[in-house]
Amino acid sequence: MSEDSVTLTGCIGVHLRRIPLIQKKVVKQKVDLIGSEIPICVLVMQKTNVTGRFSLSISKRYVRRYLGDEVRSIWLERDGERCQVTLGRGPQNNRVVGGWVKFAKENGLRPGDVCLLERLRHCKECTMKVHIVRRVKRAC
């Protein structure tokens, strides 16, 4: 892995270019460690995801290819806790519309944090294990 660039493979996400290099290295290590056959959904938390309206979009391509058209409800699992969220589908994007506020607050999500969503196949209901890479504060 080069010191000045990191290529994220095995994942699909939005805003990946906004991840600072040091944090991107940690994300790559976690994605590689997870070693999922299904690509990891990478979500970089923006202010709108974790404050105010708590709006969260998931890649339409990821939802179509790895969750399927029939999925309307997703269980997010982290540290043994589960939170059910509702997936709203629009012509331009897929938004998590129900349950996200609770999950974001309970897990102390902040702008710059990165959520890695690992699709678990062994579960009857659509379940995604959430790994969080906290924002790296830059030294002055």
Protein backbone atom coordinates (compact mmCIF):
# COMPACT_ATOMS: atom_id res chain seq x y z
CA MET A 1 0.00 0.00 0.00
CA SER A 2 1.49 3.33 -1.09
CA GLU A 3 2.04 6.05 1.47
CA ASP A 4 0.16 8.65 -0.56
CA SER A 5 -2.74 6.66 -2.00
CA VAL A 6 -5.08 3.89 -1.00
CA THR A 7 -7.46 2.08 -3.33
CA LEU A 8 -10.59 0.75 -1.69
CA THR A 9 -11.67 -2.56 -3.21
CA GLY A 10 -14.41 -4.93 -2.06
CA CYS A 11 -16.76 -2.08 -1.26
CA ILE A 12 -19.31 0.28 -2.77
CA GLY A 13 -20.02 3.71 -1.37
CA VAL A 14 -20.53 7.41 -1.78
CA HIS A 15 -18.25 10.29 -0.77
CA LEU A 16 -15.25 7.93 -0.63
CA ARG A 17 -12.95 10.67 -1.94
CA ARG A 18 -13.75 12.71 1.16
CA ILE A 19 -12.10 10.20 3.49
CA PRO A 20 -8.70 11.44 4.74
CA LEU A 21 -5.81 9.16 3.76
CA ILE A 22 -5.07 7.94 7.31
CA GLN A 23 -8.74 7.02 7.83
CA LYS A 24 -8.95 5.45 4.36
CA LYS A 25 -6.10 3.11 5.36
CA VAL A 26 -8.09 1.98 8.41
CA VAL A 27 -11.22 1.50 6.27
CA LYS A 28 -9.23 -0.63 3.79
CA GLN A 29 -7.80 -2.75 6.62
CA LYS A 30 -11.28 -3.34 8.08
CA VAL A 31 -12.81 -4.17 4.68
CA ASP A 32 -9.95 -6.63 4.01
CA LEU A 33 -10.32 -8.13 7.51
CA ILE A 34 -14.09 -8.59 7.08
CA GLY A 35 -13.39 -10.50 3.87
CA SER A 36 -17.02 -10.61 2.78
CA GLU A 37 -18.05 -12.20 -0.53
CA ILE A 38 -20.62 -9.40 -0.80
CA PRO A 39 -19.04 -5.95 -1.19
CA ILE A 40 -19.18 -3.77 1.92
CA CYS A 41 -21.44 -0.70 1.74
CA VAL A 42 -19.30 2.28 2.83
CA LEU A 43 -21.11 5.36 4.13
CA VAL A 44 -19.17 8.49 5.03
CA MET A 45 -21.21 10.43 7.57
CA GLN A 46 -22.02 13.99 6.56
CA LYS A 47 -23.63 16.59 8.82
CA THR A 48 -27.07 15.85 7.29
CA ASN A 49 -26.69 12.16 8.23
CA VAL A 50 -26.15 12.74 11.94
CA THR A 51 -27.91 16.03 12.81
CA GLY A 52 -31.13 17.84 11.96
CA ARG A 53 -33.15 15.62 9.61
CA PHE A 54 -30.81 12.64 9.97
CA SER A 55 -31.14 11.87 6.27
CA LEU A 56 -29.14 8.89 4.95
CA SER A 57 -28.87 7.68 1.36
CA ILE A 58 -27.58 4.26 0.33
CA SER A 59 -26.16 3.58 -3.11
CA LYS A 60 -29.00 2.62 -5.45
CA ARG A 61 -26.62 0.23 -7.22
CA TYR A 62 -25.74 -1.47 -3.92
CA VAL A 63 -29.39 -1.86 -2.89
CA ARG A 64 -30.46 -3.23 -6.26
CA ARG A 65 -27.57 -5.68 -6.57
CA TYR A 66 -27.05 -6.89 -2.99
CA LEU A 67 -30.29 -6.31 -1.08
CA GLY A 68 -32.88 -6.78 -3.79
CA ASP A 69 -36.05 -4.99 -4.78
CA GLU A 70 -38.21 -6.66 -2.14
CA VAL A 71 -36.26 -5.38 0.88
CA ARG A 72 -38.05 -2.61 2.79
CA SER A 73 -36.71 -3.25 6.27
CA ILE A 74 -33.10 -3.74 7.38
CA TRP A 75 -31.73 -4.76 10.76
CA LEU A 76 -28.54 -2.90 11.66
CA GLU A 77 -26.44 -4.91 14.12
CA ARG A 78 -23.55 -3.55 16.19
CA ASP A 79 -21.95 -4.86 19.37
CA GLY A 80 -24.80 -7.31 19.94
CA GLU A 81 -27.49 -4.62 19.65
CA ARG A 82 -29.98 -4.52 16.79
CA CYS A 83 -31.94 -1.61 15.37
CA GLN A 84 -34.55 -1.90 12.64
CA VAL A 85 -34.53 0.76 9.92
CA THR A 86 -36.88 1.29 7.00
CA LEU A 87 -35.64 1.73 3.45
CA GLY A 88 -37.53 4.28 1.38
CA ARG A 89 -37.10 4.03 -2.36
CA GLY A 90 -37.25 6.94 -4.74
CA PRO A 91 -36.47 7.41 -8.42
CA GLN A 92 -33.07 8.96 -7.67
CA ASN A 93 -31.94 7.25 -4.47
CA ASN A 94 -32.69 4.94 -1.57
CA ARG A 95 -33.03 6.56 1.84
CA VAL A 96 -33.09 5.12 5.31
CA VAL A 97 -36.28 6.80 6.54
CA GLY A 98 -37.18 5.08 9.79
CA GLY A 99 -35.02 4.09 12.74
CA TRP A 100 -31.86 5.84 11.55
CA VAL A 101 -32.07 8.66 14.12
CA LYS A 102 -32.11 6.12 16.97
CA PHE A 103 -29.19 4.15 15.54
CA ALA A 104 -27.08 7.26 14.84
CA LYS A 105 -27.65 8.71 18.31
CA GLU A 106 -27.12 5.43 20.19
CA ASN A 107 -23.81 4.92 18.39
CA GLY A 108 -22.61 8.51 18.74
CA LEU A 109 -22.14 9.02 15.01
CA ARG A 110 -20.53 12.30 13.98
CA PRO A 111 -19.64 13.95 10.67
CA GLY A 112 -16.56 12.27 9.21
CA ASP A 113 -17.22 8.87 10.79
CA VAL A 114 -17.37 6.02 8.29
CA CYS A 115 -19.93 3.21 8.59
CA LEU A 116 -19.12 -0.11 6.94
CA LEU A 117 -22.26 -2.17 6.37
CA GLU A 118 -21.60 -5.89 6.01
CA ARG A 119 -24.54 -7.86 4.56
CA LEU A 120 -25.05 -11.01 6.64
CA ARG A 121 -26.35 -13.92 4.56
CA HIS A 122 -27.04 -16.33 7.40
CA CYS A 123 -29.93 -14.23 8.77
CA LYS A 124 -33.55 -14.80 7.76
CA GLU A 125 -34.29 -11.07 7.73
CA CYS A 126 -32.08 -8.57 5.90
CA THR A 127 -29.35 -7.84 8.45
CA MET A 128 -26.24 -5.72 8.11
CA LYS A 129 -23.44 -5.73 10.65
CA VAL A 130 -22.17 -2.18 11.15
CA HIS A 131 -18.48 -1.43 11.68
CA ILE A 132 -17.63 2.19 12.54
CA VAL A 133 -14.35 3.90 11.72
CA ARG A 134 -14.28 7.12 13.71
CA ARG A 135 -13.22 10.37 12.11
CA VAL A 136 -9.54 11.04 12.50
CA LYS A 137 -8.88 14.45 13.98
CA ARG A 138 -6.09 16.19 12.15
CA ALA A 139 -3.15 17.49 14.14
CA CYS A 140 -2.57 21.25 13.99
